[in-house]
């Protein structure tokens, strides 16, 4: 029970940083839509979706141990971005980038902390490990090129022809994203986790 609640809190807070990064990047590129909507903040309540961030994930997490959820998408207007060619790509990449940055910083702390403080508490290092892994996984999942994930925005700018084919997949794109989340991404996340922290990860 306590561990599931801990996972839920970490995932939600990581998602908040993710959404804030979208809003901040859009603002830096000249679009104030997210700021005007009150989304340029780290206040979790602003980014939460009642169904997608509270009801569905908590029910699934406690009923089956599976987490599926979503936050409120950050609004932005591509027409307002100064970078017309790659503006949407930058806004889309900002969210996963924020999660990877969190994972990198805390992962390096996890890697070198025991060398600096040999008596570091096991519980503390285990907590850091969970946070690092979750942020790696969130970044990887959101980089998948299927709408409405952030990866689709990246593909729309970088590979427009491929993006159109992905859009045409419709529901099957979402289904493929879920398959990747359960069968492919955990292994990739473990590899990245090991590269950053110098150790393996297991829940």
N, C-alpha and C. Protein backbone atom coordinates (compact mmCIF):
# COMPACT_ATOMS: atom_id res chain seq x y z
N UNK A 1 0.82 -1.21 0.00
CA UNK A 1 0.00 0.00 0.00
C UNK A 1 0.86 1.26 0.00
N UNK A 2 1.80 1.33 0.97
CA UNK A 2 2.65 2.53 1.07
C UNK A 2 3.52 2.70 -0.17
N UNK A 3 4.05 1.58 -0.69
CA UNK A 3 4.92 1.67 -1.86
C UNK A 3 4.13 2.13 -3.08
N UNK A 4 2.90 1.66 -3.23
CA UNK A 4 2.08 2.07 -4.37
C UNK A 4 1.75 3.56 -4.29
N UNK A 5 1.47 4.05 -3.09
CA UNK A 5 1.22 5.47 -2.91
C UNK A 5 2.47 6.29 -3.24
N UNK A 6 3.61 5.77 -2.83
CA UNK A 6 4.88 6.43 -3.12
C UNK A 6 5.09 6.50 -4.64
N UNK A 7 4.86 5.39 -5.32
CA UNK A 7 4.99 5.37 -6.79
C UNK A 7 4.06 6.39 -7.42
N UNK A 8 2.84 6.43 -6.94
CA UNK A 8 1.86 7.36 -7.49
C UNK A 8 2.33 8.81 -7.34
N UNK A 9 2.80 9.16 -6.16
CA UNK A 9 3.25 10.53 -5.90
C UNK A 9 4.44 10.88 -6.80
N UNK A 10 5.40 9.96 -6.92
CA UNK A 10 6.58 10.23 -7.75
C UNK A 10 6.20 10.40 -9.21
N UNK A 11 5.30 9.55 -9.70
CA UNK A 11 4.87 9.65 -11.10
C UNK A 11 4.16 10.98 -11.35
N UNK A 12 3.28 11.35 -10.44
CA UNK A 12 2.54 12.60 -10.60
C UNK A 12 3.48 13.80 -10.57
N UNK A 13 4.41 13.84 -9.61
CA UNK A 13 5.34 14.96 -9.52
C UNK A 13 6.25 15.02 -10.74
N UNK A 14 6.65 13.86 -11.24
CA UNK A 14 7.48 13.82 -12.45
C UNK A 14 6.70 14.34 -13.65
N UNK A 15 5.41 14.01 -13.70
CA UNK A 15 4.55 14.49 -14.78
C UNK A 15 4.37 16.01 -14.70
N UNK A 16 4.33 16.54 -13.48
CA UNK A 16 4.20 17.99 -13.29
C UNK A 16 5.41 18.71 -13.88
N UNK A 17 6.62 18.21 -13.59
CA UNK A 17 7.84 18.79 -14.17
C UNK A 17 7.80 18.68 -15.69
N UNK A 18 7.29 17.57 -16.16
CA UNK A 18 7.17 17.32 -17.60
C UNK A 18 6.29 18.39 -18.26
N UNK A 19 5.11 18.62 -17.68
CA UNK A 19 4.18 19.59 -18.26
C UNK A 19 4.72 21.02 -18.12
N UNK A 20 5.35 21.30 -16.99
CA UNK A 20 5.92 22.63 -16.79
C UNK A 20 6.99 22.92 -17.85
N UNK A 21 7.77 21.92 -18.20
CA UNK A 21 8.81 22.10 -19.21
C UNK A 21 8.20 22.44 -20.56
N UNK A 22 7.07 21.81 -20.90
CA UNK A 22 6.36 22.17 -22.14
C UNK A 22 5.97 23.65 -22.11
N UNK A 23 5.35 24.06 -21.00
CA UNK A 23 4.86 25.43 -20.88
C UNK A 23 6.01 26.44 -20.94
N UNK A 24 7.10 26.13 -20.23
CA UNK A 24 8.24 27.04 -20.18
C UNK A 24 8.89 27.19 -21.55
N UNK A 25 9.03 26.09 -22.26
CA UNK A 25 9.66 26.13 -23.59
C UNK A 25 8.82 26.93 -24.56
N UNK A 26 7.50 26.70 -24.54
CA UNK A 26 6.61 27.47 -25.41
C UNK A 26 6.72 28.96 -25.09
N UNK A 27 6.76 29.29 -23.80
CA UNK A 27 6.87 30.69 -23.39
C UNK A 27 8.18 31.30 -23.86
N UNK A 28 9.28 30.56 -23.72
CA UNK A 28 10.58 31.06 -24.15
C UNK A 28 10.64 31.25 -25.66
N UNK A 29 9.82 30.48 -26.38
CA UNK A 29 9.79 30.59 -27.84
C UNK A 29 8.78 31.62 -28.32
N UNK A 30 8.14 32.34 -27.38
CA UNK A 30 7.27 33.44 -27.77
C UNK A 30 5.78 33.22 -27.65
N UNK A 31 5.35 32.02 -27.21
CA UNK A 31 3.92 31.76 -27.09
C UNK A 31 3.50 31.85 -25.62
N UNK A 32 2.55 32.70 -25.31
CA UNK A 32 2.11 32.90 -23.92
C UNK A 32 0.83 32.13 -23.60
N UNK A 33 0.40 31.26 -24.49
CA UNK A 33 -0.87 30.54 -24.29
C UNK A 33 -0.89 29.78 -22.96
N UNK A 34 0.16 29.01 -22.69
CA UNK A 34 0.21 28.23 -21.45
C UNK A 34 0.29 29.14 -20.24
N UNK A 35 1.08 30.19 -20.33
CA UNK A 35 1.20 31.14 -19.23
C UNK A 35 -0.14 31.81 -18.95
N UNK A 36 -0.83 32.22 -19.99
CA UNK A 36 -2.13 32.88 -19.83
C UNK A 36 -3.16 31.92 -19.23
N UNK A 37 -2.97 30.63 -19.47
CA UNK A 37 -3.90 29.62 -18.92
C UNK A 37 -3.50 29.19 -17.51
N UNK A 38 -2.44 29.78 -16.97
CA UNK A 38 -2.01 29.45 -15.63
C UNK A 38 -1.22 28.16 -15.53
N UNK A 39 -0.68 27.71 -16.65
CA UNK A 39 0.03 26.42 -16.67
C UNK A 39 1.55 26.57 -16.52
N UNK A 40 2.05 27.80 -16.49
CA UNK A 40 3.49 28.00 -16.33
C UNK A 40 3.81 28.01 -14.83
N UNK A 41 3.63 26.86 -14.20
CA UNK A 41 3.80 26.73 -12.77
C UNK A 41 4.11 25.28 -12.41
N UNK A 42 4.73 25.11 -11.25
CA UNK A 42 4.99 23.75 -10.74
C UNK A 42 3.92 23.31 -9.74
N UNK A 43 2.87 24.07 -9.63
CA UNK A 43 1.76 23.69 -8.76
C UNK A 43 1.07 22.46 -9.33
N UNK A 44 1.13 21.33 -8.65
CA UNK A 44 0.56 20.08 -9.21
C UNK A 44 -0.92 20.19 -9.52
N UNK A 45 -1.67 20.94 -8.71
CA UNK A 45 -3.12 21.00 -8.89
C UNK A 45 -3.50 21.58 -10.24
N UNK A 46 -2.66 22.43 -10.79
CA UNK A 46 -2.96 23.06 -12.07
C UNK A 46 -2.85 22.07 -13.23
N UNK A 47 -2.00 21.09 -13.08
CA UNK A 47 -1.72 20.15 -14.18
C UNK A 47 -2.52 18.85 -14.09
N UNK A 48 -3.19 18.62 -12.95
CA UNK A 48 -3.87 17.35 -12.76
C UNK A 48 -5.18 17.28 -13.54
N UNK A 49 -5.47 16.11 -14.06
CA UNK A 49 -6.74 15.81 -14.69
C UNK A 49 -7.47 14.84 -13.75
N UNK A 50 -8.68 15.18 -13.36
CA UNK A 50 -9.38 14.39 -12.35
C UNK A 50 -9.47 12.92 -12.73
N UNK A 51 -9.83 12.66 -13.97
CA UNK A 51 -9.97 11.27 -14.42
C UNK A 51 -8.60 10.66 -14.69
N UNK A 52 -7.77 11.35 -15.49
CA UNK A 52 -6.52 10.77 -15.95
C UNK A 52 -5.39 10.75 -14.94
N UNK A 53 -5.43 11.66 -13.95
CA UNK A 53 -4.34 11.72 -12.98
C UNK A 53 -4.74 11.19 -11.61
N UNK A 54 -6.04 11.07 -11.37
CA UNK A 54 -6.49 10.64 -10.05
C UNK A 54 -7.27 9.32 -10.11
N UNK A 55 -8.42 9.34 -10.77
CA UNK A 55 -9.33 8.19 -10.71
C UNK A 55 -8.74 6.96 -11.39
N UNK A 56 -8.43 7.07 -12.68
CA UNK A 56 -7.95 5.90 -13.45
C UNK A 56 -6.64 5.34 -12.90
N UNK A 57 -5.60 6.15 -12.70
CA UNK A 57 -4.34 5.57 -12.23
C UNK A 57 -4.43 4.96 -10.84
N UNK A 58 -5.18 5.58 -9.92
CA UNK A 58 -5.28 5.01 -8.57
C UNK A 58 -6.05 3.70 -8.59
N UNK A 59 -7.13 3.64 -9.35
CA UNK A 59 -7.90 2.39 -9.44
C UNK A 59 -7.05 1.27 -10.02
N UNK A 60 -6.36 1.55 -11.12
CA UNK A 60 -5.53 0.51 -11.75
C UNK A 60 -4.35 0.13 -10.87
N UNK A 61 -3.73 1.12 -10.23
CA UNK A 61 -2.55 0.85 -9.43
C UNK A 61 -2.88 -0.06 -8.26
N UNK A 62 -4.00 0.20 -7.59
CA UNK A 62 -4.34 -0.60 -6.42
C UNK A 62 -5.06 -1.89 -6.78
N UNK A 63 -5.69 -1.92 -7.96
CA UNK A 63 -6.41 -3.13 -8.36
C UNK A 63 -5.49 -4.14 -9.03
N UNK A 64 -4.51 -3.64 -9.82
CA UNK A 64 -3.68 -4.57 -10.60
C UNK A 64 -2.20 -4.28 -10.54
N UNK A 65 -1.80 -3.17 -9.92
CA UNK A 65 -0.38 -2.82 -9.87
C UNK A 65 0.11 -2.16 -11.14
N UNK A 66 -0.79 -1.85 -12.07
CA UNK A 66 -0.43 -1.21 -13.33
C UNK A 66 -0.77 0.27 -13.26
N UNK A 67 0.13 1.11 -13.76
CA UNK A 67 -0.14 2.55 -13.78
C UNK A 67 -0.38 3.00 -15.21
N UNK A 68 -1.57 3.52 -15.44
CA UNK A 68 -1.89 4.19 -16.70
C UNK A 68 -2.59 5.49 -16.34
N UNK A 69 -2.08 6.59 -16.86
CA UNK A 69 -2.69 7.87 -16.53
C UNK A 69 -2.17 8.97 -17.44
N UNK A 70 -2.69 10.16 -17.22
CA UNK A 70 -2.26 11.30 -18.02
C UNK A 70 -2.58 12.59 -17.27
N UNK A 71 -1.81 13.61 -17.56
CA UNK A 71 -2.07 14.94 -17.02
C UNK A 71 -2.79 15.77 -18.08
N UNK A 72 -3.25 16.96 -17.68
CA UNK A 72 -3.88 17.85 -18.66
C UNK A 72 -2.83 18.33 -19.65
N UNK A 73 -3.06 18.18 -20.94
CA UNK A 73 -2.09 18.67 -21.92
C UNK A 73 -1.89 20.17 -21.79
N UNK A 74 -0.65 20.61 -21.95
CA UNK A 74 -0.35 22.04 -21.91
C UNK A 74 -0.76 22.67 -23.24
N UNK A 75 -1.60 23.70 -23.22
CA UNK A 75 -2.00 24.34 -24.47
C UNK A 75 -0.89 25.25 -25.00
N UNK A 76 -0.73 25.25 -26.30
CA UNK A 76 0.18 26.21 -26.92
C UNK A 76 -0.26 26.43 -28.36
N UNK A 77 0.13 27.56 -28.91
CA UNK A 77 -0.26 27.92 -30.27
C UNK A 77 0.98 27.93 -31.16
N UNK A 78 1.13 26.94 -32.02
CA UNK A 78 2.33 26.89 -32.88
C UNK A 78 2.53 28.15 -33.71
N UNK A 79 1.44 28.85 -34.01
CA UNK A 79 1.55 30.06 -34.83
C UNK A 79 2.28 31.18 -34.10
N UNK A 80 2.30 31.09 -32.76
CA UNK A 80 2.96 32.14 -31.98
C UNK A 80 4.44 31.86 -31.73
N UNK A 81 4.91 30.67 -32.05
CA UNK A 81 6.29 30.32 -31.80
C UNK A 81 7.21 31.02 -32.79
N UNK A 82 8.30 31.57 -32.28
CA UNK A 82 9.24 32.27 -33.17
C UNK A 82 9.89 31.31 -34.16
N UNK A 83 10.15 30.09 -33.69
CA UNK A 83 10.74 29.08 -34.56
C UNK A 83 9.61 28.33 -35.26
N UNK A 84 9.28 28.74 -36.46
CA UNK A 84 8.16 28.13 -37.18
C UNK A 84 8.48 26.72 -37.66
N UNK A 85 9.75 26.45 -37.90
CA UNK A 85 10.13 25.15 -38.47
C UNK A 85 10.21 24.06 -37.41
N UNK A 86 10.88 24.36 -36.32
CA UNK A 86 11.08 23.33 -35.31
C UNK A 86 10.53 23.70 -33.94
N UNK A 87 9.69 24.72 -33.88
CA UNK A 87 9.14 25.15 -32.60
C UNK A 87 8.34 24.07 -31.90
N UNK A 88 7.44 23.42 -32.65
CA UNK A 88 6.63 22.36 -32.04
C UNK A 88 7.48 21.19 -31.60
N UNK A 89 8.52 20.91 -32.37
CA UNK A 89 9.45 19.84 -31.99
C UNK A 89 10.10 20.16 -30.65
N UNK A 90 10.54 21.41 -30.48
CA UNK A 90 11.20 21.81 -29.23
C UNK A 90 10.24 21.74 -28.05
N UNK A 91 9.01 22.21 -28.27
CA UNK A 91 8.00 22.14 -27.19
C UNK A 91 7.71 20.69 -26.84
N UNK A 92 7.57 19.85 -27.87
CA UNK A 92 7.29 18.44 -27.63
C UNK A 92 8.42 17.73 -26.92
N UNK A 93 9.66 18.07 -27.27
CA UNK A 93 10.82 17.39 -26.68
C UNK A 93 11.11 17.88 -25.27
N UNK A 94 10.58 19.04 -24.90
CA UNK A 94 10.91 19.63 -23.60
C UNK A 94 10.44 18.76 -22.44
N UNK A 95 9.26 18.16 -22.56
CA UNK A 95 8.73 17.33 -21.48
C UNK A 95 9.59 16.11 -21.20
N UNK A 96 9.82 15.25 -22.21
CA UNK A 96 10.72 14.11 -22.00
C UNK A 96 12.12 14.56 -21.61
N UNK A 97 12.56 15.70 -22.16
CA UNK A 97 13.88 16.21 -21.81
C UNK A 97 13.98 16.54 -20.34
N UNK A 98 12.91 17.10 -19.77
CA UNK A 98 12.90 17.42 -18.34
C UNK A 98 13.00 16.15 -17.51
N UNK A 99 12.27 15.11 -17.91
CA UNK A 99 12.35 13.84 -17.18
C UNK A 99 13.73 13.22 -17.27
N UNK A 100 14.36 13.30 -18.45
CA UNK A 100 15.71 12.76 -18.59
C UNK A 100 16.72 13.57 -17.78
N UNK A 101 16.50 14.88 -17.68
CA UNK A 101 17.40 15.71 -16.89
C UNK A 101 17.30 15.36 -15.41
N UNK A 102 16.09 15.16 -14.93
CA UNK A 102 15.90 14.72 -13.54
C UNK A 102 16.59 13.39 -13.31
N UNK A 103 16.40 12.46 -14.25
CA UNK A 103 17.01 11.14 -14.13
C UNK A 103 18.52 11.23 -14.12
N UNK A 104 19.08 12.09 -14.96
CA UNK A 104 20.53 12.22 -15.06
C UNK A 104 21.11 12.81 -13.77
N UNK A 105 20.51 13.89 -13.28
CA UNK A 105 21.03 14.54 -12.07
C UNK A 105 20.95 13.61 -10.86
N UNK A 106 19.76 13.05 -10.62
CA UNK A 106 19.60 12.18 -9.46
C UNK A 106 20.34 10.86 -9.65
N UNK A 107 20.45 10.41 -10.91
CA UNK A 107 21.19 9.18 -11.18
C UNK A 107 22.65 9.33 -10.87
N UNK A 108 23.23 10.49 -11.18
CA UNK A 108 24.64 10.73 -10.87
C UNK A 108 24.84 10.86 -9.36
N UNK A 109 23.85 11.45 -8.68
CA UNK A 109 23.91 11.48 -7.21
C UNK A 109 23.92 10.06 -6.67
N UNK A 110 23.04 9.23 -7.21
CA UNK A 110 22.97 7.82 -6.79
C UNK A 110 24.27 7.09 -7.08
N UNK A 111 24.90 7.43 -8.18
CA UNK A 111 26.13 6.75 -8.57
C UNK A 111 27.30 7.08 -7.65
N UNK A 112 27.40 8.37 -7.26
CA UNK A 112 28.58 8.80 -6.51
C UNK A 112 28.33 9.00 -5.02
N UNK A 113 27.08 9.01 -4.61
CA UNK A 113 26.78 9.22 -3.19
C UNK A 113 27.44 8.19 -2.28
N UNK A 114 27.36 6.89 -2.57
CA UNK A 114 27.99 5.91 -1.69
C UNK A 114 29.51 6.08 -1.58
N UNK A 115 30.13 6.64 -2.63
CA UNK A 115 31.57 6.86 -2.57
C UNK A 115 31.91 8.05 -1.68
N UNK A 116 31.01 9.06 -1.69
CA UNK A 116 31.24 10.25 -0.88
C UNK A 116 30.80 10.01 0.56
N UNK A 117 29.65 9.36 0.71
CA UNK A 117 29.12 9.05 2.03
C UNK A 117 28.88 7.54 2.11
N UNK A 118 29.89 6.77 2.49
CA UNK A 118 29.76 5.30 2.52
C UNK A 118 28.61 4.82 3.39
N UNK A 119 28.19 5.64 4.33
CA UNK A 119 27.11 5.21 5.23
C UNK A 119 25.74 5.64 4.75
N UNK A 120 25.62 6.04 3.49
CA UNK A 120 24.32 6.50 2.98
C UNK A 120 23.26 5.42 3.20
N UNK A 121 22.12 5.84 3.68
CA UNK A 121 21.05 4.90 4.01
C UNK A 121 20.56 4.16 2.77
N UNK A 122 20.34 2.86 2.93
CA UNK A 122 19.85 2.04 1.82
C UNK A 122 18.49 2.53 1.34
N UNK A 123 17.63 2.93 2.27
CA UNK A 123 16.30 3.40 1.91
C UNK A 123 16.38 4.66 1.05
N UNK A 124 17.32 5.54 1.39
CA UNK A 124 17.47 6.78 0.62
C UNK A 124 17.93 6.49 -0.80
N UNK A 125 18.93 5.63 -0.94
CA UNK A 125 19.43 5.31 -2.28
C UNK A 125 18.39 4.53 -3.09
N UNK A 126 17.61 3.68 -2.40
CA UNK A 126 16.55 2.95 -3.10
C UNK A 126 15.47 3.92 -3.60
N UNK A 127 15.16 4.93 -2.80
CA UNK A 127 14.18 5.94 -3.19
C UNK A 127 14.66 6.71 -4.42
N UNK A 128 15.93 7.11 -4.40
CA UNK A 128 16.50 7.79 -5.56
C UNK A 128 16.41 6.91 -6.80
N UNK A 129 16.69 5.63 -6.62
CA UNK A 129 16.64 4.70 -7.75
C UNK A 129 15.27 4.64 -8.39
N UNK A 130 14.23 4.62 -7.58
CA UNK A 130 12.86 4.58 -8.11
C UNK A 130 12.55 5.86 -8.88
N UNK A 131 12.94 7.01 -8.32
CA UNK A 131 12.68 8.28 -8.99
C UNK A 131 13.40 8.34 -10.34
N UNK A 132 14.66 7.90 -10.35
CA UNK A 132 15.44 7.90 -11.59
C UNK A 132 14.78 7.01 -12.64
N UNK A 133 14.42 5.80 -12.24
CA UNK A 133 13.84 4.85 -13.20
C UNK A 133 12.51 5.37 -13.75
N UNK A 134 11.66 5.90 -12.89
CA UNK A 134 10.36 6.40 -13.33
C UNK A 134 10.53 7.52 -14.35
N UNK A 135 11.47 8.42 -14.11
CA UNK A 135 11.67 9.52 -15.03
C UNK A 135 12.25 9.05 -16.36
N UNK A 136 13.11 8.05 -16.33
CA UNK A 136 13.61 7.47 -17.58
C UNK A 136 12.46 6.86 -18.36
N UNK A 137 11.63 6.10 -17.67
CA UNK A 137 10.52 5.42 -18.34
C UNK A 137 9.52 6.42 -18.90
N UNK A 138 9.19 7.46 -18.14
CA UNK A 138 8.26 8.47 -18.63
C UNK A 138 8.80 9.15 -19.88
N UNK A 139 10.09 9.44 -19.88
CA UNK A 139 10.70 10.07 -21.05
C UNK A 139 10.61 9.16 -22.26
N UNK A 140 10.95 7.90 -22.10
CA UNK A 140 10.91 6.96 -23.21
C UNK A 140 9.50 6.78 -23.75
N UNK A 141 8.54 6.64 -22.84
CA UNK A 141 7.16 6.43 -23.27
C UNK A 141 6.64 7.62 -24.05
N UNK A 142 6.93 8.82 -23.54
CA UNK A 142 6.43 10.02 -24.21
C UNK A 142 7.15 10.31 -25.52
N UNK A 143 8.30 9.71 -25.73
CA UNK A 143 9.02 9.89 -26.99
C UNK A 143 8.53 8.95 -28.09
N UNK A 144 7.64 8.02 -27.74
CA UNK A 144 7.06 7.16 -28.78
C UNK A 144 6.31 8.05 -29.78
N UNK A 145 6.40 7.73 -31.06
CA UNK A 145 5.90 8.65 -32.09
C UNK A 145 4.41 8.58 -32.38
N UNK A 146 3.62 8.05 -31.45
CA UNK A 146 2.19 7.89 -31.71
C UNK A 146 1.39 9.01 -31.04
N UNK A 147 0.49 9.65 -31.77
CA UNK A 147 -0.37 10.68 -31.17
C UNK A 147 -1.20 10.07 -30.04
N UNK A 148 -1.41 10.80 -28.92
CA UNK A 148 -1.06 12.20 -28.69
C UNK A 148 0.26 12.37 -27.92
N UNK A 149 1.12 11.37 -27.92
CA UNK A 149 2.37 11.45 -27.17
C UNK A 149 3.30 12.50 -27.77
N UNK A 150 4.24 12.97 -26.94
CA UNK A 150 5.15 14.04 -27.38
C UNK A 150 5.96 13.65 -28.60
N UNK A 151 6.28 12.38 -28.70
CA UNK A 151 7.07 11.92 -29.84
C UNK A 151 6.39 12.20 -31.17
N UNK A 152 5.06 12.26 -31.16
CA UNK A 152 4.34 12.54 -32.41
C UNK A 152 4.61 13.97 -32.87
N UNK A 153 4.75 14.91 -31.91
CA UNK A 153 5.05 16.31 -32.27
C UNK A 153 6.46 16.40 -32.86
N UNK A 154 7.36 15.61 -32.28
CA UNK A 154 8.74 15.61 -32.78
C UNK A 154 8.77 15.06 -34.21
N UNK A 155 8.06 13.96 -34.43
CA UNK A 155 8.02 13.36 -35.76
C UNK A 155 7.30 14.26 -36.76
N UNK A 156 6.29 15.00 -36.30
CA UNK A 156 5.55 15.87 -37.20
C UNK A 156 6.46 16.92 -37.82
N UNK A 157 7.42 17.43 -37.04
CA UNK A 157 8.35 18.43 -37.55
C UNK A 157 9.55 17.81 -38.27
N UNK A 158 10.09 16.73 -37.68
CA UNK A 158 11.32 16.14 -38.22
C UNK A 158 11.06 15.20 -39.39
N UNK A 159 9.96 14.44 -39.30
CA UNK A 159 9.66 13.44 -40.34
C UNK A 159 8.18 13.51 -40.70
N UNK A 160 7.75 14.56 -41.37
CA UNK A 160 6.31 14.76 -41.63
C UNK A 160 5.65 13.61 -42.39
N UNK A 161 6.36 13.01 -43.33
CA UNK A 161 5.75 11.92 -44.10
C UNK A 161 5.51 10.69 -43.23
N UNK A 162 6.49 10.39 -42.37
CA UNK A 162 6.34 9.26 -41.45
C UNK A 162 5.22 9.54 -40.46
N UNK A 163 5.16 10.79 -39.99
CA UNK A 163 4.15 11.18 -39.02
C UNK A 163 2.75 10.94 -39.56
N UNK A 164 2.52 11.27 -40.81
CA UNK A 164 1.20 11.10 -41.40
C UNK A 164 0.79 9.63 -41.41
N UNK A 165 1.75 8.76 -41.66
CA UNK A 165 1.45 7.32 -41.64
C UNK A 165 1.11 6.86 -40.23
N UNK A 166 1.79 7.44 -39.24
CA UNK A 166 1.51 7.09 -37.85
C UNK A 166 0.12 7.57 -37.43
N UNK A 167 -0.25 8.76 -37.90
CA UNK A 167 -1.59 9.28 -37.60
C UNK A 167 -2.66 8.36 -38.16
N UNK A 168 -2.41 7.82 -39.34
CA UNK A 168 -3.38 6.95 -39.99
C UNK A 168 -3.59 5.63 -39.24
N UNK A 169 -2.69 5.32 -38.32
CA UNK A 169 -2.86 4.09 -37.54
C UNK A 169 -4.03 4.19 -36.57
N UNK A 170 -4.38 5.42 -36.20
CA UNK A 170 -5.50 5.62 -35.29
C UNK A 170 -5.32 4.88 -33.97
N UNK A 171 -6.34 4.08 -33.59
CA UNK A 171 -6.31 3.33 -32.33
C UNK A 171 -5.12 2.39 -32.26
N UNK A 172 -4.70 1.84 -33.39
CA UNK A 172 -3.60 0.90 -33.38
C UNK A 172 -2.30 1.54 -32.91
N UNK A 173 -2.16 2.83 -33.13
CA UNK A 173 -0.98 3.53 -32.63
C UNK A 173 -0.94 3.51 -31.11
N UNK A 174 -2.09 3.77 -30.49
CA UNK A 174 -2.18 3.72 -29.03
C UNK A 174 -1.92 2.32 -28.52
N UNK A 175 -2.44 1.33 -29.23
CA UNK A 175 -2.23 -0.07 -28.85
C UNK A 175 -0.75 -0.45 -28.93
N UNK A 176 -0.08 0.01 -29.99
CA UNK A 176 1.36 -0.26 -30.13
C UNK A 176 2.16 0.43 -29.03
N UNK A 177 1.72 1.62 -28.64
CA UNK A 177 2.39 2.34 -27.55
C UNK A 177 2.29 1.56 -26.25
N UNK A 178 1.12 0.99 -25.98
CA UNK A 178 0.95 0.19 -24.76
C UNK A 178 1.79 -1.08 -24.81
N UNK A 179 1.84 -1.71 -25.97
CA UNK A 179 2.68 -2.90 -26.10
C UNK A 179 4.15 -2.56 -25.83
N UNK A 180 4.61 -1.46 -26.40
CA UNK A 180 5.99 -1.03 -26.17
C UNK A 180 6.23 -0.75 -24.69
N UNK A 181 5.24 -0.13 -24.03
CA UNK A 181 5.38 0.23 -22.62
C UNK A 181 5.55 -1.01 -21.75
N UNK A 182 4.88 -2.09 -22.11
CA UNK A 182 4.93 -3.29 -21.27
C UNK A 182 6.05 -4.26 -21.66
N UNK A 183 6.43 -4.28 -22.94
CA UNK A 183 7.33 -5.33 -23.39
C UNK A 183 8.70 -4.84 -23.86
N UNK A 184 8.83 -3.60 -24.23
CA UNK A 184 10.10 -3.12 -24.79
C UNK A 184 10.77 -2.07 -23.92
N UNK A 185 10.01 -1.05 -23.52
CA UNK A 185 10.59 0.08 -22.79
C UNK A 185 11.24 -0.29 -21.46
N UNK A 186 10.69 -1.25 -20.68
CA UNK A 186 11.36 -1.58 -19.42
C UNK A 186 12.81 -2.01 -19.60
N UNK A 187 13.09 -2.79 -20.64
CA UNK A 187 14.47 -3.24 -20.87
C UNK A 187 15.36 -2.07 -21.25
N UNK A 188 14.85 -1.17 -22.11
CA UNK A 188 15.63 0.00 -22.51
C UNK A 188 15.87 0.90 -21.31
N UNK A 189 14.83 1.09 -20.49
CA UNK A 189 14.96 1.93 -19.30
C UNK A 189 16.01 1.36 -18.35
N UNK A 190 16.04 0.04 -18.22
CA UNK A 190 17.04 -0.59 -17.36
C UNK A 190 18.46 -0.34 -17.86
N UNK A 191 18.64 -0.39 -19.16
CA UNK A 191 19.96 -0.15 -19.74
C UNK A 191 20.41 1.28 -19.46
N UNK A 192 19.50 2.24 -19.70
CA UNK A 192 19.83 3.65 -19.46
C UNK A 192 20.09 3.88 -17.97
N UNK A 193 19.28 3.26 -17.13
CA UNK A 193 19.47 3.37 -15.68
C UNK A 193 20.86 2.90 -15.28
N UNK A 194 21.27 1.77 -15.83
CA UNK A 194 22.59 1.21 -15.50
C UNK A 194 23.72 2.12 -15.99
N UNK A 195 23.54 2.70 -17.19
CA UNK A 195 24.56 3.58 -17.72
C UNK A 195 24.75 4.83 -16.84
N UNK A 196 23.64 5.35 -16.32
CA UNK A 196 23.72 6.56 -15.51
C UNK A 196 24.21 6.27 -14.10
N UNK A 197 23.64 5.23 -13.49
CA UNK A 197 23.91 4.98 -12.07
C UNK A 197 25.03 3.99 -11.80
N UNK A 198 25.38 3.20 -12.80
CA UNK A 198 26.40 2.19 -12.60
C UNK A 198 25.90 0.96 -11.86
N UNK A 199 24.59 0.81 -11.79
CA UNK A 199 24.02 -0.36 -11.10
C UNK A 199 22.73 -0.77 -11.81
N UNK A 200 22.25 -1.95 -11.50
CA UNK A 200 21.00 -2.41 -12.07
C UNK A 200 19.83 -1.89 -11.27
N UNK A 201 18.63 -2.10 -11.79
CA UNK A 201 17.43 -1.65 -11.08
C UNK A 201 16.41 -2.76 -11.05
N UNK A 202 15.72 -2.86 -9.92
CA UNK A 202 14.61 -3.79 -9.79
C UNK A 202 13.67 -3.26 -8.74
N UNK A 203 12.35 -3.31 -9.05
CA UNK A 203 11.35 -2.87 -8.08
C UNK A 203 11.34 -3.86 -6.91
